[in-house]
Amino acid sequence: MRFIQLSLLISVYLTVPCHGGDWPQIMGPYRNGHAAANESLASEWPAGGPALKWQRPVGSGFSGLAVSRNVAILFHRIEDQEIVEALQADTGEVLWKHQTPVSYKGTFNPNDGPIAVPLIYKDRVYVFGIAGHLQCLDIKTGTQIWSRQTHKEFKVGEGYFGVGSTPIIIEDKLLVNVGGKRQNAGIVAFSLDKGRTLWQTMPDDASYSSPTSGFFNGRFYALFITRLHLVGIDPQHGDILFQFPFGKRGPTVNGANPIQVGRHVFATASYGVGGFWGIVEGNSVSEIWRSEKPMSSQYTTPIEYDGSLIGIDGRQDIGPARLVCFDPKTQKVFWSKENFGYATLLEVDGKLLILKTDGTLVMATASKEEYQELGRAQVLNSTTRALPALSNGLLFVRDTKTLKCLELNKPAPSPVTPQKSSSN
């Protein structure tokens, strides 16, 4: 296994235990876009695309699903209620439903539903609503165990699009990109059992980037991108271990997650921010380069593969957007697909699953040598921003109207060859 996958696997497995095939948090079991090692995909799709297992209507929001032990957690909004639903993953049957009132109204964007992906940990589900309502629920019954109104408690403004950062669990703490800059509560740690505030740090607003965990110099780091900074934090006490400026003031956002690549950290954003590449070595942390090329991604987190990074360069709202694979050490582009369109990515079984915002699902070979497309199908019919989730060969995709469960692990059916009639 590649060094980067191994190091991230170690850091996440120590914090979010999961079963084979689970997708318990944003960007999968390792929080880096790579599916579990035991997942396998069919090498090609039928003519009409992947088989539909089941589908159902959903409310507003861009939150992708989380899946654990055949339970899929859907987080969406219908009218004035934010709703968490537990579904039987292979059938779509509703197991329980929990709802709470919400009054948020979209300003820059008409979306008024949750954006942050649910987080499943052991027998609990953690959700972070679009107006800052942080909740812990029992995964078996949906009963609320505790909740915090973070925007009210830490005096947080609504931001451009409400809350969009999925919390992370490291050791015994829930770390959240809260954004309470006036109370030095840009980042806050909560206890898992009762939601108590354990520490708070950073006088900065929140971003739409979700934190990740990294392992450097024999210790764990929580990696956060806030409104204007990329930071490494000691998850135990909240001490800032390193900090770099990242982002711009004005109508801009940071949306992609930070990535550890060996001893290095990569971050990317659009709006003239570009990419950042730095190294954590010994007691020193250094910036190596920052540039708008080869990648300035509006909110898609690139996938690390064989030392390269594969992702989207560009923006969804104004374009153009290209799919690009490059070497982060040298900034050399290995290959690119110009005008590909905006999309999100995950890697499974040596393949890329790319969900475009126009509802097109693409399967391609995961490679830094060349782009080789294996399949393409229209799976949704309206703008698709929610991250896909893959669990035991089932792919969960949604837009603001429909949730679909697609089967990807079945081999494509062989064409039937008509038998020639014989005459005696």
Protein backbone atom coordinates (compact mmCIF):
# COMPACT_ATOMS: atom_id res chain seq x y z
CA MET A 1 0.00 0.00 0.00
CA ARG A 2 1.21 3.46 -0.82
CA PHE A 3 2.74 5.46 2.04
CA ILE A 4 0.08 8.15 1.97
CA GLN A 5 -2.80 5.68 2.11
CA LEU A 6 -1.12 3.78 4.92
CA SER A 7 -0.48 6.86 7.04
CA LEU A 8 -4.00 8.19 6.59
CA LEU A 9 -5.46 4.74 7.18
CA ILE A 10 -3.63 4.54 10.50
CA SER A 11 -4.76 7.98 11.61
CA VAL A 12 -8.41 7.44 10.72
CA TYR A 13 -8.72 3.86 11.90
CA LEU A 14 -7.57 4.97 15.32
CA THR A 15 -10.42 7.49 15.41
CA VAL A 16 -13.36 6.18 13.35
CA PRO A 17 -13.53 2.38 13.50
CA CYS A 18 -15.61 0.92 10.67
CA HIS A 19 -16.50 -2.38 9.08
CA GLY A 20 -15.45 -3.44 5.59
CA GLY A 21 -17.50 -1.63 3.00
CA ASP A 22 -18.61 1.16 5.34
CA TRP A 23 -18.66 4.82 4.26
CA PRO A 24 -19.11 6.38 7.72
CA GLN A 25 -18.04 9.96 7.03
CA ILE A 26 -17.29 12.50 4.34
CA MET A 27 -15.05 11.02 1.61
CA GLY A 28 -15.22 7.49 2.96
CA PRO A 29 -13.60 5.24 5.56
CA TYR A 30 -10.22 6.99 5.41
CA ARG A 31 -11.69 10.47 4.79
CA ASN A 32 -9.54 10.78 1.65
CA GLY A 33 -11.87 9.61 -1.14
CA HIS A 34 -10.54 6.02 -1.24
CA ALA A 35 -13.07 3.24 -0.72
CA ALA A 36 -12.42 0.17 1.45
CA ALA A 37 -9.90 -2.28 0.00
CA ASN A 38 -12.50 -5.06 -0.30
CA GLU A 39 -14.75 -3.06 -2.64
CA SER A 40 -14.82 -4.24 -6.24
CA LEU A 41 -16.53 -2.76 -9.28
CA ALA A 42 -17.78 -4.27 -12.50
CA SER A 43 -15.31 -3.44 -15.25
CA GLU A 44 -18.08 -2.10 -17.50
CA TRP A 45 -21.71 -1.02 -17.30
CA PRO A 46 -24.79 -2.17 -19.20
CA ALA A 47 -25.89 0.05 -22.09
CA GLY A 48 -28.32 1.99 -19.90
CA GLY A 49 -25.79 2.55 -17.14
CA PRO A 50 -25.57 1.00 -13.66
CA ALA A 51 -28.62 -0.89 -12.43
CA LEU A 52 -30.98 1.05 -10.16
CA LYS A 53 -31.46 -0.72 -6.84
CA TRP A 54 -33.97 1.77 -5.44
CA GLN A 55 -34.78 5.48 -5.40
CA ARG A 56 -36.86 7.95 -3.38
CA PRO A 57 -37.61 11.68 -3.21
CA VAL A 58 -35.57 13.94 -0.93
CA GLY A 59 -35.75 17.50 0.30
CA SER A 60 -33.30 20.35 -0.10
CA GLY A 61 -29.61 20.30 0.80
CA PHE A 62 -26.28 19.18 -0.61
CA SER A 63 -25.36 16.70 2.13
CA GLY A 64 -24.10 13.32 0.90
CA LEU A 65 -24.92 10.11 2.77
CA ALA A 66 -22.94 8.21 5.38
CA VAL A 67 -23.28 4.41 5.58
CA SER A 68 -22.41 1.88 8.29
CA ARG A 69 -23.44 -1.77 8.71
CA ASN A 70 -26.16 -1.51 6.04
CA VAL A 71 -27.65 1.66 7.57
CA ALA A 72 -27.54 4.78 5.40
CA ILE A 73 -27.99 8.18 7.02
CA LEU A 74 -29.79 10.81 4.94
CA PHE A 75 -29.73 14.46 6.07
CA HIS A 76 -32.07 16.88 4.28
CA ARG A 77 -34.70 19.57 4.78
CA ILE A 78 -38.44 19.52 4.08
CA GLU A 79 -40.32 22.78 4.66
CA ASP A 80 -39.17 24.13 8.06
CA GLN A 81 -37.63 20.90 9.38
CA GLU A 82 -34.09 19.52 9.15
CA ILE A 83 -34.57 15.77 8.96
CA VAL A 84 -32.18 12.91 9.72
CA GLU A 85 -33.38 9.56 8.39
CA ALA A 86 -31.86 6.12 8.83
CA LEU A 87 -32.48 3.91 5.80
CA GLN A 88 -31.90 0.23 5.17
CA ALA A 89 -29.05 0.65 2.71
CA ASP A 90 -29.98 -2.18 0.36
CA THR A 91 -33.73 -1.49 0.25
CA GLY A 92 -34.28 2.18 1.15
CA GLU A 93 -36.70 1.24 3.94
CA VAL A 94 -36.98 3.98 6.57
CA LEU A 95 -35.80 2.71 9.96
CA TRP A 96 -36.31 5.93 11.91
CA LYS A 97 -36.68 9.67 11.42
CA HIS A 98 -35.56 12.57 13.60
CA GLN A 99 -36.48 16.16 12.80
CA THR A 100 -35.79 19.58 14.28
CA PRO A 101 -37.07 23.03 13.25
CA VAL A 102 -34.85 25.31 11.16
CA SER A 103 -35.47 28.84 9.91
CA TYR A 104 -32.37 29.43 7.75
CA LYS A 105 -32.99 31.07 4.37
CA GLY A 106 -30.40 31.01 1.58
CA THR A 107 -28.93 34.38 0.61
CA PHE A 108 -26.16 34.01 -1.99
CA ASN A 109 -27.60 30.63 -2.99
CA PRO A 110 -31.26 29.52 -2.81
CA ASN A 111 -30.29 26.27 -1.05
CA ASP A 112 -31.71 26.19 2.47
CA GLY A 113 -30.91 22.56 3.36
CA PRO A 114 -27.96 20.95 5.18
CA ILE A 115 -24.61 20.69 3.42
CA ALA A 116 -22.38 18.86 5.93
CA VAL A 117 -22.21 15.05 5.55
CA PRO A 118 -23.33 13.02 8.62
CA LEU A 119 -20.64 11.32 10.70
CA ILE A 120 -21.21 7.81 12.09
CA TYR A 121 -19.11 6.70 15.05
CA LYS A 122 -19.84 3.40 16.81
CA ASP A 123 -23.52 3.58 17.81
CA ARG A 124 -23.95 7.31 17.27
CA VAL A 125 -24.62 9.73 14.43
CA TYR A 126 -23.37 13.33 14.44
CA VAL A 127 -24.96 15.95 12.18
CA PHE A 128 -24.17 19.64 11.74
CA GLY A 129 -27.14 21.58 10.38
CA ILE A 130 -27.01 24.52 7.99
CA ALA A 131 -27.74 27.00 10.82
CA GLY A 132 -25.13 25.55 13.21
CA HIS A 133 -27.28 23.04 15.09
CA LEU A 134 -24.87 20.26 16.14
CA GLN A 135 -26.57 17.03 17.21
CA CYS A 136 -25.64 13.57 18.45
CA LEU A 137 -28.22 10.83 17.81
CA ASP A 138 -28.53 7.15 18.65
CA ILE A 139 -28.03 5.23 15.38
CA LYS A 140 -30.48 2.49 16.41
CA THR A 141 -33.43 4.69 17.39
CA GLY A 142 -32.72 8.26 16.25
CA THR A 143 -33.08 9.50 19.83
CA GLN A 144 -31.22 12.74 20.45
CA ILE A 145 -28.41 12.25 22.98
CA TRP A 146 -27.22 15.86 23.04
CA SER A 147 -27.22 19.01 20.93
CA ARG A 148 -25.52 22.41 20.75
CA GLN A 149 -26.69 25.56 18.98
CA THR A 150 -23.19 26.62 17.95
CA HIS A 151 -24.14 29.81 16.09
CA LYS A 152 -26.00 31.19 19.10
CA GLU A 153 -23.51 30.01 21.70
CA PHE A 154 -20.37 31.18 19.90
CA LYS A 155 -21.93 34.21 18.15
CA VAL A 156 -21.35 32.97 14.60
CA GLY A 157 -22.67 34.78 11.53
CA GLU A 158 -24.56 32.87 8.83
CA GLY A 159 -21.80 33.12 6.22
CA TYR A 160 -22.45 32.99 2.49
CA PHE A 161 -24.08 29.54 2.38
CA GLY A 162 -24.65 28.58 6.02
CA VAL A 163 -22.72 25.67 7.58
CA GLY A 164 -20.87 23.35 5.20
CA SER A 165 -18.04 21.67 7.14
CA THR A 166 -18.36 18.09 8.39
CA PRO A 167 -16.89 17.56 11.90
CA ILE A 168 -14.17 14.99 12.58
CA ILE A 169 -13.53 12.64 15.51
CA ILE A 170 -9.94 12.33 16.68
CA GLU A 171 -9.25 10.27 19.80
CA ASP A 172 -12.20 11.06 22.11
CA LYS A 173 -13.19 14.46 20.75
CA LEU A 174 -15.50 15.87 18.10
CA LEU A 175 -13.64 18.71 16.38
CA VAL A 176 -15.78 21.27 14.57
CA ASN A 177 -15.09 24.15 12.18
CA VAL A 178 -17.48 26.44 14.12
CA GLY A 179 -16.33 29.91 13.07
CA GLY A 180 -16.83 31.82 16.32
CA LYS A 181 -14.01 34.26 15.68
CA ARG A 182 -15.22 36.84 18.24
CA GLN A 183 -14.89 34.25 21.00
CA ASN A 184 -11.63 32.65 19.77
CA ALA A 185 -13.81 29.72 18.75
CA GLY A 186 -13.04 29.26 15.07
CA ILE A 187 -12.39 25.60 15.95
CA VAL A 188 -14.05 23.91 18.92
CA ALA A 189 -13.63 20.46 20.50
CA PHE A 190 -16.69 18.80 22.04
CA SER A 191 -16.85 15.69 24.22
CA LEU A 192 -18.43 12.70 22.51
CA ASP A 193 -20.56 11.64 25.44
CA LYS A 194 -22.37 14.85 26.38
CA GLY A 195 -21.20 17.51 23.93
CA ARG A 196 -19.29 19.54 26.53
CA THR A 197 -16.87 22.19 25.25
CA LEU A 198 -13.35 20.87 25.86
CA TRP A 199 -11.32 23.60 24.15
CA GLN A 200 -11.65 26.34 21.58
CA THR A 201 -9.10 28.14 19.46
CA MET A 202 -8.58 30.39 16.39
CA PRO A 203 -10.14 33.86 15.98
CA ASP A 204 -11.38 33.04 12.47
CA ASP A 205 -14.62 32.41 10.61
CA ALA A 206 -15.53 28.93 9.41
CA SER A 207 -14.96 27.61 5.90
CA TYR A 208 -16.78 24.97 3.85
CA SER A 209 -13.76 22.70 4.03
CA SER A 210 -13.99 19.63 6.27
CA PRO A 211 -11.04 18.84 8.57
CA THR A 212 -8.86 15.77 8.17
CA SER A 213 -6.30 14.07 10.41
CA GLY A 214 -2.60 13.75 9.67
CA PHE A 215 0.30 11.92 11.29
CA PHE A 216 3.59 13.84 11.34
CA ASN A 217 6.71 13.47 13.45
CA GLY A 218 5.19 10.74 15.62
CA ARG A 219 2.05 12.64 16.57
CA PHE A 220 -1.45 13.29 15.28
CA TYR A 221 -2.47 16.61 13.82
CA ALA A 222 -5.96 17.88 13.10
CA LEU A 223 -5.75 19.63 9.72
CA PHE A 224 -8.23 22.48 9.26
CA ILE A 225 -8.84 25.08 6.60
CA THR A 226 -10.71 28.00 8.13
CA ARG A 227 -11.92 31.13 6.37
CA LEU A 228 -8.41 32.54 5.99
CA HIS A 229 -5.94 29.92 7.25
CA LEU A 230 -4.57 26.41 6.87
CA VAL A 231 -3.71 25.13 10.35
CA GLY A 232 -2.37 22.05 12.08
CA ILE A 233 -3.76 21.63 15.59
CA ASP A 234 -2.97 19.40 18.53
CA PRO A 235 -6.29 17.56 18.95
CA GLN A 236 -5.66 16.91 22.63
CA HIS A 237 -5.37 20.49 23.85
CA GLY A 238 -6.10 22.71 20.85
CA ASP A 239 -2.58 24.10 20.53
CA ILE A 240 -1.81 25.48 17.07
CA LEU A 241 1.17 23.52 15.72
CA PHE A 242 1.42 25.38 12.42
CA GLN A 243 -0.52 28.08 10.61
CA PHE A 244 -0.38 29.51 7.08
CA PRO A 245 -2.48 32.21 5.44
CA PHE A 246 -4.91 30.57 3.00
CA GLY A 247 -7.93 32.18 1.38
CA LYS A 248 -9.02 35.71 0.50
CA ARG A 249 -11.36 38.26 2.01
CA GLY A 250 -14.45 39.25 0.10
CA PRO A 251 -16.92 36.98 -1.74
CA THR A 252 -14.73 33.87 -1.69
CA VAL A 253 -14.91 30.46 -0.01
CA ASN A 254 -12.55 27.63 0.92
CA GLY A 255 -14.34 24.37 0.13
CA ALA A 256 -11.85 21.56 -0.54
CA ASN A 257 -10.41 19.52 2.33
CA PRO A 258 -6.70 19.59 3.25
CA ILE A 259 -4.68 16.56 2.16
CA GLN A 260 -1.63 14.89 3.72
CA VAL A 261 0.82 13.47 1.19
CA GLY A 262 3.67 11.89 3.14
CA ARG A 263 5.31 14.72 5.09
CA HIS A 264 3.50 17.29 2.97
CA VAL A 265 0.17 19.13 3.11
CA PHE A 266 -1.82 20.29 0.08
CA ALA A 267 -4.72 22.75 -0.01
CA THR A 268 -6.62 24.27 -2.92
CA ALA A 269 -9.29 26.89 -3.59
CA SER A 270 -10.57 29.07 -6.44
CA TYR A 271 -11.20 32.84 -6.43
CA GLY A 272 -7.54 33.65 -7.09
CA VAL A 273 -6.30 31.60 -4.11
CA GLY A 274 -4.89 28.56 -5.95
CA GLY A 275 -2.92 25.67 -4.48
CA PHE A 276 -0.62 25.48 -1.45
CA TRP A 277 2.12 22.88 -0.91
CA GLY A 278 4.08 22.75 2.35
CA ILE A 279 6.22 20.33 4.34
CA VAL A 280 6.09 19.33 8.01
CA GLU A 281 9.58 18.21 9.00
CA GLY A 282 11.06 17.98 12.47
CA ASN A 283 10.08 21.11 14.36
CA SER A 284 9.82 23.23 11.22
CA VAL A 285 6.93 23.72 8.82
CA SER A 286 7.71 25.37 5.50
CA GLU A 287 5.78 26.63 2.51
CA ILE A 288 7.24 25.17 -0.72
CA TRP A 289 4.94 26.71 -3.32
CA ARG A 290 1.59 28.35 -3.85
CA SER A 291 0.13 29.00 -7.28
CA GLU A 292 -3.16 29.10 -9.17
CA LYS A 293 -1.79 26.37 -11.44
CA PRO A 294 -2.08 23.48 -11.87
CA MET A 295 -5.14 23.32 -9.58
CA SER A 296 -7.55 25.90 -8.20
CA SER A 297 -10.62 23.91 -7.16
CA GLN A 298 -13.78 25.64 -6.00
CA TYR A 299 -14.79 22.87 -3.58
CA THR A 300 -13.76 19.44 -4.90
CA THR A 301 -11.08 17.66 -2.85
CA PRO A 302 -8.56 15.93 -5.13
CA ILE A 303 -7.71 12.24 -4.81
CA GLU A 304 -4.12 11.20 -4.06
CA TYR A 305 -3.08 8.31 -6.32
CA ASP A 306 0.43 6.91 -6.65
CA GLY A 307 1.97 10.17 -5.50
CA SER A 308 -0.11 12.28 -7.88
CA LEU A 309 -3.24 14.34 -7.23
CA ILE A 310 -6.32 13.93 -9.44
CA GLY A 311 -9.12 16.46 -9.25
CA ILE A 312 -10.96 19.42 -10.71
CA ASP A 313 -9.28 22.69 -11.64
CA GLY A 314 -11.84 25.46 -11.99
CA ARG A 315 -15.28 26.53 -10.81
CA GLN A 316 -18.79 25.19 -11.14
CA ASP A 317 -20.57 28.55 -11.32
CA ILE A 318 -18.62 30.26 -14.10
CA GLY A 319 -16.33 27.56 -15.53
CA PRO A 320 -14.42 26.33 -17.31
CA ALA A 321 -13.45 23.28 -15.29
CA ARG A 322 -10.94 20.61 -16.27
CA LEU A 323 -10.09 17.21 -14.83
CA VAL A 324 -6.35 17.17 -14.14
CA CYS A 325 -3.70 14.80 -12.77
CA PHE A 326 -0.46 16.37 -11.58
CA ASP A 327 2.65 15.87 -9.45
CA PRO A 328 2.30 18.13 -6.38
CA LYS A 329 6.06 18.12 -5.79
CA THR A 330 6.94 19.58 -9.19
CA GLN A 331 3.54 20.98 -10.34
CA LYS A 332 4.00 18.94 -13.53
CA VAL A 333 0.71 18.00 -15.22
CA PHE A 334 0.62 14.32 -16.20
CA TRP A 335 -2.66 14.58 -18.10
CA SER A 336 -5.78 16.72 -18.26
CA LYS A 337 -9.27 16.68 -19.80
CA GLU A 338 -10.12 20.23 -20.77
CA ASN A 339 -13.73 21.45 -20.38
CA PHE A 340 -14.59 18.27 -18.50
CA GLY A 341 -17.13 20.07 -16.32
CA TYR A 342 -17.29 20.37 -12.55
CA ALA A 343 -17.43 17.12 -10.58
CA THR A 344 -16.57 15.27 -7.37
CA LEU A 345 -14.42 12.12 -7.25
CA LEU A 346 -13.75 8.94 -5.34
CA GLU A 347 -11.42 5.99 -5.98
CA VAL A 348 -12.38 2.33 -5.70
CA ASP A 349 -10.83 -0.87 -7.01
CA GLY A 350 -8.28 1.02 -9.11
CA LYS A 351 -11.02 3.10 -10.76
CA LEU A 352 -12.26 6.65 -10.45
CA LEU A 353 -15.97 7.31 -9.97
CA ILE A 354 -16.61 10.87 -11.07
CA LEU A 355 -20.01 12.46 -10.44
CA LYS A 356 -20.46 15.59 -12.54
CA THR A 357 -22.70 18.41 -11.37
CA ASP A 358 -24.92 17.89 -14.43
CA GLY A 359 -25.85 14.42 -13.05
CA THR A 360 -23.49 12.40 -15.26
CA LEU A 361 -21.61 9.52 -13.63
CA VAL A 362 -18.25 8.65 -15.20
CA MET A 363 -16.01 5.66 -14.49
CA ALA A 364 -12.35 5.89 -15.49
CA THR A 365 -9.10 4.11 -14.77
CA ALA A 366 -7.22 5.52 -11.78
CA SER A 367 -3.84 6.27 -13.28
CA LYS A 368 -1.30 9.05 -13.49
CA GLU A 369 -0.21 7.79 -16.92
CA GLU A 370 -3.33 8.65 -18.93
CA TYR A 371 -7.06 9.25 -18.75
CA GLN A 372 -9.01 6.19 -19.86
CA GLU A 373 -12.79 6.36 -19.62
CA LEU A 374 -14.59 3.08 -18.91
CA GLY A 375 -18.22 4.15 -18.71
CA ARG A 376 -20.59 7.12 -18.67
CA ALA A 377 -24.27 7.37 -17.71
CA GLN A 378 -26.81 10.06 -16.88
CA VAL A 379 -27.97 9.13 -13.37
CA LEU A 380 -29.58 12.39 -12.16
CA ASN A 381 -31.38 15.15 -14.01
CA SER A 382 -30.70 18.33 -12.05
CA THR A 383 -27.67 20.09 -10.54
CA THR A 384 -25.80 17.56 -8.41
CA ARG A 385 -23.50 18.90 -5.69
CA ALA A 386 -23.83 16.26 -2.95
CA LEU A 387 -20.85 13.95 -2.55
CA PRO A 388 -21.48 10.32 -3.58
CA ALA A 389 -21.06 7.47 -1.08
CA LEU A 390 -20.06 3.88 -1.87
CA SER A 391 -20.78 0.92 0.40
CA ASN A 392 -20.59 -2.78 -0.51
CA GLY A 393 -20.96 -2.10 -4.22
CA LEU A 394 -23.89 0.29 -3.76
CA LEU A 395 -23.41 3.89 -4.86
CA PHE A 396 -25.64 6.53 -3.25
CA VAL A 397 -26.13 9.70 -5.29
CA ARG A 398 -28.58 12.56 -4.81
CA ASP A 399 -29.56 15.97 -6.04
CA THR A 400 -32.13 18.25 -4.40
CA LYS A 401 -35.06 16.11 -5.54
CA THR A 402 -34.05 12.45 -5.75
CA LEU A 403 -31.84 9.95 -3.95
CA LYS A 404 -30.75 6.91 -5.95
CA CYS A 405 -29.00 3.70 -4.95
CA LEU A 406 -27.08 2.18 -7.88
CA GLU A 407 -25.53 -1.28 -8.12
CA LEU A 408 -21.92 -1.17 -9.30
CA ASN A 409 -20.53 -4.53 -8.25
CA LYS A 410 -22.57 -6.72 -10.59
CA PRO A 411 -20.80 -7.86 -13.75
CA ALA A 412 -22.24 -6.48 -16.93
CA PRO A 413 -24.56 -9.03 -18.59
CA SER A 414 -23.14 -10.82 -21.59
CA PRO A 415 -24.96 -10.21 -24.87
CA VAL A 416 -27.21 -13.06 -25.93
CA THR A 417 -26.17 -14.56 -29.26
CA PRO A 418 -29.14 -15.92 -31.20
CA GLN A 419 -28.84 -19.58 -32.11
CA LYS A 420 -28.85 -20.47 -35.77
CA SER A 421 -31.62 -22.81 -36.76
CA SER A 422 -30.57 -25.99 -38.44
CA SER A 423 -32.53 -27.87 -41.09
CA ASN A 424 -32.52 -31.59 -41.53
